[in-house]
N, C-alpha and C. Protein backbone atom coordinates (compact mmCIF):
# COMPACT_ATOMS: atom_id res chain seq x y z
N MET A 1 0.91 -1.00 -0.15
CA MET A 1 -0.10 -0.25 -0.07
C MET A 1 0.80 1.12 -0.03
N ARG A 2 0.70 2.14 -0.69
CA ARG A 2 1.10 3.41 -0.84
C ARG A 2 1.01 4.47 0.47
N SER A 3 1.99 5.13 0.69
CA SER A 3 1.78 6.14 1.80
C SER A 3 1.13 7.30 1.10
N PRO A 4 0.79 8.30 1.81
CA PRO A 4 0.17 9.40 1.04
C PRO A 4 1.27 10.30 0.52
N SER A 5 2.65 10.48 0.87
CA SER A 5 3.51 11.09 0.00
C SER A 5 3.81 10.69 -1.19
N ASP A 6 3.66 9.14 -1.39
CA ASP A 6 3.84 8.56 -2.45
C ASP A 6 3.08 8.68 -3.75
N VAL A 7 1.87 9.03 -3.50
CA VAL A 7 0.67 9.44 -4.07
C VAL A 7 0.78 10.62 -5.13
N PRO A 8 1.00 10.67 -6.38
CA PRO A 8 1.04 12.05 -7.02
C PRO A 8 0.15 13.27 -6.87
N SER A 9 0.14 14.32 -6.72
CA SER A 9 -0.96 15.15 -6.44
C SER A 9 -1.79 15.43 -7.56
N ALA A 10 -2.97 15.64 -7.66
CA ALA A 10 -3.96 15.94 -8.73
C ALA A 10 -3.76 17.19 -9.23
N ARG A 11 -3.52 16.99 -10.50
CA ARG A 11 -3.13 18.14 -11.53
C ARG A 11 -4.60 18.87 -11.62
N ARG A 12 -4.63 20.40 -11.73
CA ARG A 12 -5.70 21.12 -12.07
C ARG A 12 -5.48 21.23 -13.53
N LEU A 13 -6.81 20.96 -14.19
CA LEU A 13 -7.05 20.89 -15.62
C LEU A 13 -7.18 22.45 -15.89
N SER A 14 -6.10 23.03 -17.00
CA SER A 14 -6.20 24.41 -17.17
C SER A 14 -7.43 24.63 -18.17
N ARG A 15 -8.03 25.68 -18.48
CA ARG A 15 -8.97 26.23 -19.30
C ARG A 15 -8.31 25.98 -20.52
N PRO A 16 -9.12 25.58 -21.77
CA PRO A 16 -8.77 25.54 -23.00
C PRO A 16 -8.37 26.83 -23.59
N SER A 17 -7.52 26.99 -24.31
CA SER A 17 -7.17 28.05 -24.93
C SER A 17 -7.93 28.70 -25.81
N LYS A 18 -7.64 29.88 -26.39
CA LYS A 18 -8.40 30.32 -27.36
C LYS A 18 -8.36 29.80 -28.72
N ARG A 19 -7.11 29.32 -28.98
CA ARG A 19 -6.90 28.62 -30.32
C ARG A 19 -7.70 27.31 -30.39
N PHE A 20 -8.05 26.98 -28.93
CA PHE A 20 -8.98 25.54 -29.07
C PHE A 20 -10.09 25.52 -29.47
N TRP A 21 -10.88 26.79 -28.92
CA TRP A 21 -12.03 27.10 -29.39
C TRP A 21 -12.28 27.54 -30.87
N ILE A 22 -11.15 28.43 -31.18
CA ILE A 22 -11.15 28.56 -32.76
C ILE A 22 -11.15 27.61 -33.42
N SER A 23 -10.23 26.46 -33.27
CA SER A 23 -10.41 25.52 -33.99
C SER A 23 -11.43 24.59 -34.04
N LEU A 24 -12.27 24.57 -32.74
CA LEU A 24 -13.03 23.51 -32.66
C LEU A 24 -14.33 24.30 -33.60
N GLY A 25 -14.57 25.53 -33.34
CA GLY A 25 -15.43 26.21 -34.22
C GLY A 25 -15.43 25.97 -35.64
N VAL A 26 -14.19 25.99 -36.02
CA VAL A 26 -13.74 25.75 -37.67
C VAL A 26 -14.14 24.52 -38.04
N VAL A 27 -13.84 23.21 -36.98
CA VAL A 27 -14.26 21.91 -37.24
C VAL A 27 -15.74 21.66 -37.51
N LEU A 28 -16.47 22.36 -36.44
CA LEU A 28 -18.09 22.15 -36.22
C LEU A 28 -18.51 22.75 -37.65
N LEU A 29 -17.95 24.07 -38.07
CA LEU A 29 -18.55 24.73 -39.10
C LEU A 29 -18.52 23.81 -40.37
N LEU A 30 -17.31 23.36 -40.31
CA LEU A 30 -17.07 22.52 -41.72
C LEU A 30 -18.14 21.27 -41.83
N VAL A 31 -18.05 20.76 -40.49
CA VAL A 31 -19.06 19.40 -40.69
C VAL A 31 -20.54 19.73 -40.68
N ILE A 32 -21.03 20.81 -40.62
CA ILE A 32 -22.44 21.31 -40.59
C ILE A 32 -22.54 21.64 -42.20
N ILE A 33 -21.45 22.54 -42.51
CA ILE A 33 -21.43 22.55 -44.18
C ILE A 33 -21.48 21.37 -44.84
N PHE A 34 -20.71 20.30 -44.77
CA PHE A 34 -20.79 19.16 -45.36
C PHE A 34 -21.90 18.41 -45.31
N SER A 35 -22.34 18.50 -44.22
CA SER A 35 -23.50 17.87 -43.69
C SER A 35 -24.57 18.28 -44.37
N LEU A 36 -24.86 19.52 -44.62
CA LEU A 36 -25.85 20.24 -45.33
C LEU A 36 -25.83 19.98 -46.76
N ARG A 37 -24.75 19.95 -47.40
CA ARG A 37 -24.46 19.58 -48.83
C ARG A 37 -25.29 17.89 -48.78
N SER A 38 -24.78 17.21 -47.98
CA SER A 38 -25.03 15.59 -48.38
C SER A 38 -26.64 15.73 -48.15
N LEU A 39 -27.26 16.55 -47.03
CA LEU A 39 -28.73 16.12 -46.99
C LEU A 39 -29.22 16.65 -48.35
N ALA A 40 -28.72 18.19 -48.81
CA ALA A 40 -29.64 18.59 -50.02
C ALA A 40 -29.33 17.43 -51.22
N VAL A 41 -28.37 17.05 -51.31
CA VAL A 41 -28.24 15.77 -52.59
C VAL A 41 -29.26 14.72 -52.30
N LEU A 42 -29.22 14.30 -50.83
CA LEU A 42 -30.32 13.39 -50.56
C LEU A 42 -31.77 13.95 -51.10
N TRP A 43 -32.27 14.91 -50.34
CA TRP A 43 -33.42 15.60 -50.57
C TRP A 43 -33.79 15.58 -52.11
N THR A 44 -32.59 16.21 -52.96
CA THR A 44 -32.83 16.31 -54.58
C THR A 44 -33.19 14.84 -54.85
N ASP A 45 -32.38 13.80 -54.66
CA ASP A 45 -32.53 12.50 -55.05
C ASP A 45 -33.86 12.22 -54.90
N GLN A 46 -34.30 12.52 -53.46
CA GLN A 46 -35.59 11.79 -53.19
C GLN A 46 -36.61 12.55 -54.01
N MET A 47 -36.37 13.82 -54.25
CA MET A 47 -37.73 14.43 -55.08
C MET A 47 -37.70 14.13 -56.73
N TRP A 48 -36.31 13.58 -57.14
CA TRP A 48 -36.31 13.21 -58.41
C TRP A 48 -36.84 11.73 -58.47
N PHE A 49 -36.61 10.89 -57.95
CA PHE A 49 -37.29 9.70 -57.83
C PHE A 49 -38.81 9.54 -57.70
N SER A 50 -39.09 10.22 -56.79
CA SER A 50 -40.87 10.44 -56.54
C SER A 50 -41.29 11.17 -57.74
N GLN A 51 -40.69 12.29 -58.55
CA GLN A 51 -41.37 12.81 -59.52
C GLN A 51 -41.49 11.81 -60.50
N ALA A 52 -40.34 10.87 -60.69
CA ALA A 52 -40.41 9.96 -62.00
C ALA A 52 -41.10 8.65 -61.77
N GLY A 53 -41.89 8.78 -60.48
CA GLY A 53 -42.69 7.70 -60.06
C GLY A 53 -41.96 6.44 -59.48
N PHE A 54 -40.75 6.60 -59.20
CA PHE A 54 -39.91 5.74 -58.40
C PHE A 54 -39.35 5.78 -56.98
N GLY A 55 -40.69 6.36 -56.16
CA GLY A 55 -39.92 6.71 -54.83
C GLY A 55 -39.62 5.73 -53.99
N GLY A 56 -40.31 4.54 -54.58
CA GLY A 56 -40.04 2.99 -53.52
C GLY A 56 -38.69 2.51 -54.06
N VAL A 57 -38.08 2.87 -55.22
CA VAL A 57 -36.84 2.49 -55.43
C VAL A 57 -36.00 3.36 -54.70
N PHE A 58 -35.91 4.43 -54.37
CA PHE A 58 -35.17 5.39 -53.73
C PHE A 58 -35.05 4.73 -52.23
N THR A 59 -36.51 4.50 -51.47
CA THR A 59 -36.55 4.26 -50.24
C THR A 59 -35.99 2.81 -49.94
N GLY A 60 -35.84 1.94 -50.98
CA GLY A 60 -35.02 0.75 -51.07
C GLY A 60 -33.69 0.95 -50.93
N ILE A 61 -33.36 2.09 -51.86
CA ILE A 61 -31.85 1.88 -51.90
C ILE A 61 -31.10 2.71 -50.66
N LEU A 62 -31.99 3.52 -50.09
CA LEU A 62 -31.73 4.12 -49.09
C LEU A 62 -31.46 3.34 -47.46
N TRP A 63 -32.56 2.53 -47.58
CA TRP A 63 -32.39 1.75 -46.46
C TRP A 63 -31.30 0.63 -46.67
N THR A 64 -31.09 0.04 -47.88
CA THR A 64 -30.03 -0.93 -48.03
C THR A 64 -28.77 -0.24 -47.57
N LYS A 65 -28.41 1.14 -47.98
CA LYS A 65 -27.45 1.75 -47.57
C LYS A 65 -27.10 1.83 -45.98
N VAL A 66 -28.13 2.07 -45.49
CA VAL A 66 -28.31 2.51 -43.92
C VAL A 66 -27.94 0.80 -43.31
N GLY A 67 -28.72 -0.02 -43.83
CA GLY A 67 -28.60 -1.39 -43.27
C GLY A 67 -27.05 -2.05 -43.39
N LEU A 68 -26.42 -1.93 -44.84
CA LEU A 68 -25.21 -2.19 -44.77
C LEU A 68 -24.17 -1.65 -44.22
N ALA A 69 -24.51 -0.16 -43.56
CA ALA A 69 -23.26 0.63 -42.57
C ALA A 69 -23.83 0.08 -41.37
N LEU A 70 -24.95 -0.18 -40.92
CA LEU A 70 -25.00 -0.76 -39.55
C LEU A 70 -24.43 -2.27 -39.35
N VAL A 71 -24.65 -3.06 -40.47
CA VAL A 71 -24.14 -4.15 -40.38
C VAL A 71 -22.68 -4.33 -40.64
N PHE A 72 -21.86 -3.68 -41.35
CA PHE A 72 -20.47 -3.72 -41.15
C PHE A 72 -19.87 -2.62 -40.17
N GLY A 73 -20.51 -1.66 -39.71
CA GLY A 73 -20.47 -1.03 -38.54
C GLY A 73 -20.10 -2.19 -37.37
N ALA A 74 -21.24 -2.99 -37.10
CA ALA A 74 -21.34 -3.79 -36.04
C ALA A 74 -20.08 -4.71 -36.30
N LEU A 75 -19.62 -5.26 -37.50
CA LEU A 75 -18.95 -6.35 -37.50
C LEU A 75 -17.80 -5.86 -37.28
N PHE A 76 -17.19 -4.08 -37.54
CA PHE A 76 -16.36 -3.74 -37.22
C PHE A 76 -15.76 -3.49 -35.80
N ALA A 77 -16.86 -3.36 -35.01
CA ALA A 77 -17.03 -3.15 -33.55
C ALA A 77 -16.35 -4.51 -33.17
N VAL A 78 -17.33 -5.38 -33.57
CA VAL A 78 -16.59 -7.05 -32.98
C VAL A 78 -15.54 -7.18 -33.17
N VAL A 79 -14.67 -7.04 -34.35
CA VAL A 79 -13.48 -7.21 -34.79
C VAL A 79 -12.49 -6.51 -33.90
N MET A 80 -12.83 -5.25 -33.49
CA MET A 80 -12.11 -4.25 -32.70
C MET A 80 -12.11 -4.79 -31.48
N TRP A 81 -13.17 -5.13 -30.98
CA TRP A 81 -13.25 -5.72 -29.27
C TRP A 81 -12.50 -6.78 -29.37
N VAL A 82 -12.74 -7.92 -30.28
CA VAL A 82 -11.83 -9.22 -30.21
C VAL A 82 -10.23 -8.63 -30.14
N ASN A 83 -9.97 -8.01 -31.05
CA ASN A 83 -8.69 -7.59 -30.99
C ASN A 83 -7.95 -6.72 -29.86
N LEU A 84 -8.93 -5.78 -29.24
CA LEU A 84 -8.20 -5.44 -27.83
C LEU A 84 -8.11 -6.36 -26.86
N ILE A 85 -8.80 -7.45 -26.90
CA ILE A 85 -9.22 -8.44 -25.82
C ILE A 85 -7.88 -9.19 -26.12
N LEU A 86 -7.51 -9.53 -27.26
CA LEU A 86 -6.44 -10.37 -27.44
C LEU A 86 -5.12 -9.37 -27.07
N ALA A 87 -5.14 -8.37 -27.39
CA ALA A 87 -3.90 -7.39 -27.27
C ALA A 87 -3.66 -7.36 -25.60
N ASP A 88 -4.57 -7.26 -24.88
CA ASP A 88 -4.56 -7.39 -23.48
C ASP A 88 -4.29 -8.44 -22.75
N ARG A 89 -4.73 -9.45 -23.59
CA ARG A 89 -4.28 -10.85 -22.99
C ARG A 89 -2.95 -11.29 -23.35
N PHE A 90 -2.49 -11.07 -24.49
CA PHE A 90 -1.13 -11.67 -24.77
C PHE A 90 0.11 -10.59 -24.79
N GLY A 91 -0.37 -9.41 -24.48
CA GLY A 91 0.47 -8.16 -24.51
C GLY A 91 1.35 -8.04 -23.45
N ALA A 92 2.45 -7.37 -23.61
CA ALA A 92 3.43 -7.42 -22.48
C ALA A 92 2.76 -6.69 -21.17
N ARG A 93 3.39 -7.26 -20.30
CA ARG A 93 3.01 -6.79 -18.81
C ARG A 93 3.49 -5.86 -18.27
N ASP A 94 4.98 -5.94 -18.20
CA ASP A 94 5.79 -4.71 -17.56
C ASP A 94 6.73 -3.93 -18.75
N LEU A 95 6.45 -2.72 -18.79
CA LEU A 95 6.84 -2.01 -19.59
C LEU A 95 8.05 -0.95 -18.91
């Protein structure tokens, strides 16, 4: 058991700098811009398919893409989880 003098003192977290907040704002702005563009393309495609009388085709394509993203995302998560378990089990103990 450690004595109280061996335990490192808790460091106080400093406030994020102005540069951090500016960078975060720029990143969020870019994410919003690219998301809006993607949503505009999606909405335009939906209107086109509906106007052509193929609204069901658009819905089928959309749900197929969503389903594939979920399936492969879950598969990736399982592979990563197994990899982390194996790395923890067989990794070096003392560094």
